[in-house]
Amino acid sequence: MAKETGIVSWKDLALGCAIVEPGSSANLKTGDWRSQRPVTDYEKCIQCGQCYIFCPDMVYTQNEKGFYHPNLFYCKGCGICAKECPSDSITMVEESD
């Protein structure tokens, strides 16, 4: 019945550029998709961790001094970290800059 409506089950989809094995997403450099990247002014950063908490891809890690750094290998440049930063220490810059 589902095929009559044009809806195909996920089991019937052709394999392509997809994550098909558990844990294989770690090999995909999703940061290549972005057009902007976050840049942090560590003089203004209050180490609150809001960037870490709100990042949908969990690209932020905390260093030994308490600052949070994005892993640009996976960051898609959505800008949520910059919008949620209470100290305005994160700005989004064009990838070409």
Protein backbone atom coordinates (compact mmCIF):
# COMPACT_ATOMS: atom_id res chain seq x y z
CA MET A 1 0.00 0.00 0.00
CA ALA A 2 2.80 2.44 0.84
CA LYS A 3 4.36 2.03 -2.61
CA GLU A 4 1.06 2.99 -4.27
CA THR A 5 1.35 6.45 -2.67
CA GLY A 6 4.94 6.90 -3.84
CA ILE A 7 6.35 6.44 -0.36
CA VAL A 8 9.17 3.91 -0.22
CA SER A 9 10.30 2.09 2.89
CA TRP A 10 13.81 2.95 4.10
CA LYS A 11 14.66 -0.71 3.55
CA ASP A 12 14.03 -0.28 -0.18
CA LEU A 13 16.28 2.77 -0.62
CA ALA A 14 19.38 2.31 -2.76
CA LEU A 15 22.72 2.48 -1.00
CA GLY A 16 24.69 5.59 -1.79
CA CYS A 17 26.65 8.13 0.19
CA ALA A 18 25.06 7.19 3.49
CA ILE A 19 26.11 6.10 6.92
CA VAL A 20 25.41 2.41 6.78
CA GLU A 21 27.62 0.95 9.50
CA PRO A 22 27.38 1.91 13.18
CA GLY A 23 30.12 4.38 14.07
CA SER A 24 31.01 5.18 10.46
CA SER A 25 29.91 8.82 10.79
CA ALA A 26 33.21 9.59 12.54
CA ASN A 27 34.92 9.17 9.16
CA LEU A 28 32.77 11.79 7.40
CA LYS A 29 34.31 15.28 7.39
CA THR A 30 31.05 17.17 7.77
CA GLY A 31 32.91 20.44 8.34
CA ASP A 32 33.39 20.67 4.58
CA TRP A 33 29.70 21.60 4.30
CA ARG A 34 29.95 24.94 6.06
CA SER A 35 30.33 28.41 4.60
CA GLN A 36 31.02 30.07 7.98
CA ARG A 37 33.02 29.00 11.02
CA PRO A 38 33.00 30.09 14.67
CA VAL A 39 35.89 32.18 15.97
CA THR A 40 36.21 32.77 19.72
CA ASP A 41 37.66 35.85 21.37
CA TYR A 42 39.14 34.22 24.48
CA GLU A 43 39.60 37.63 26.15
CA LYS A 44 35.79 37.92 26.29
CA CYS A 45 35.05 34.22 26.92
CA ILE A 46 33.67 33.49 30.41
CA GLN A 47 34.03 29.69 30.03
CA CYS A 48 30.32 29.12 30.63
CA GLY A 49 30.07 26.18 28.23
CA GLN A 50 26.93 27.40 26.46
CA CYS A 51 28.63 26.73 23.11
CA TYR A 52 29.20 23.13 24.20
CA ILE A 53 25.67 22.71 25.56
CA PHE A 54 23.82 24.14 22.56
CA CYS A 55 25.98 22.74 19.73
CA PRO A 56 23.78 20.23 17.88
CA ASP A 57 26.82 18.30 16.67
CA MET A 58 28.79 18.32 19.94
CA VAL A 59 31.92 19.67 18.26
CA TYR A 60 33.14 21.60 21.31
CA THR A 61 35.68 20.23 23.77
CA GLN A 62 37.11 21.89 26.85
CA ASN A 63 40.86 22.32 27.26
CA GLU A 64 42.87 22.23 30.50
CA LYS A 65 42.44 26.00 30.97
CA GLY A 66 38.64 25.73 30.78
CA PHE A 67 38.14 27.21 27.32
CA TYR A 68 35.94 25.49 24.74
CA HIS A 69 37.24 24.89 21.22
CA PRO A 70 35.26 23.66 18.20
CA ASN A 71 36.51 20.72 16.18
CA LEU A 72 36.27 22.25 12.71
CA PHE A 73 36.52 18.77 11.17
CA TYR A 74 32.86 18.29 12.17
CA CYS A 75 31.49 21.85 12.68
CA LYS A 76 28.82 22.64 10.08
CA GLY A 77 28.81 26.39 10.79
CA CYS A 78 25.21 26.66 11.95
CA GLY A 79 26.00 29.60 14.25
CA ILE A 80 23.99 28.39 17.23
CA CYS A 81 27.07 28.68 19.44
CA ALA A 82 27.45 32.36 18.51
CA LYS A 83 23.76 33.09 19.11
CA GLU A 84 23.78 31.40 22.53
CA CYS A 85 27.07 32.89 23.76
CA PRO A 86 26.16 35.26 26.63
CA SER A 87 29.46 37.18 26.40
CA ASP A 88 29.34 37.61 22.61
CA SER A 89 32.80 36.07 22.41
CA ILE A 90 31.94 33.86 19.41
CA THR A 91 31.49 35.35 15.99
CA MET A 92 30.83 33.60 12.72
CA VAL A 93 33.27 34.44 9.93
CA GLU A 94 33.17 33.50 6.27
CA GLU A 95 35.08 30.31 5.61
CA SER A 96 37.20 32.11 3.00
CA ASP A 97 38.49 34.62 5.62
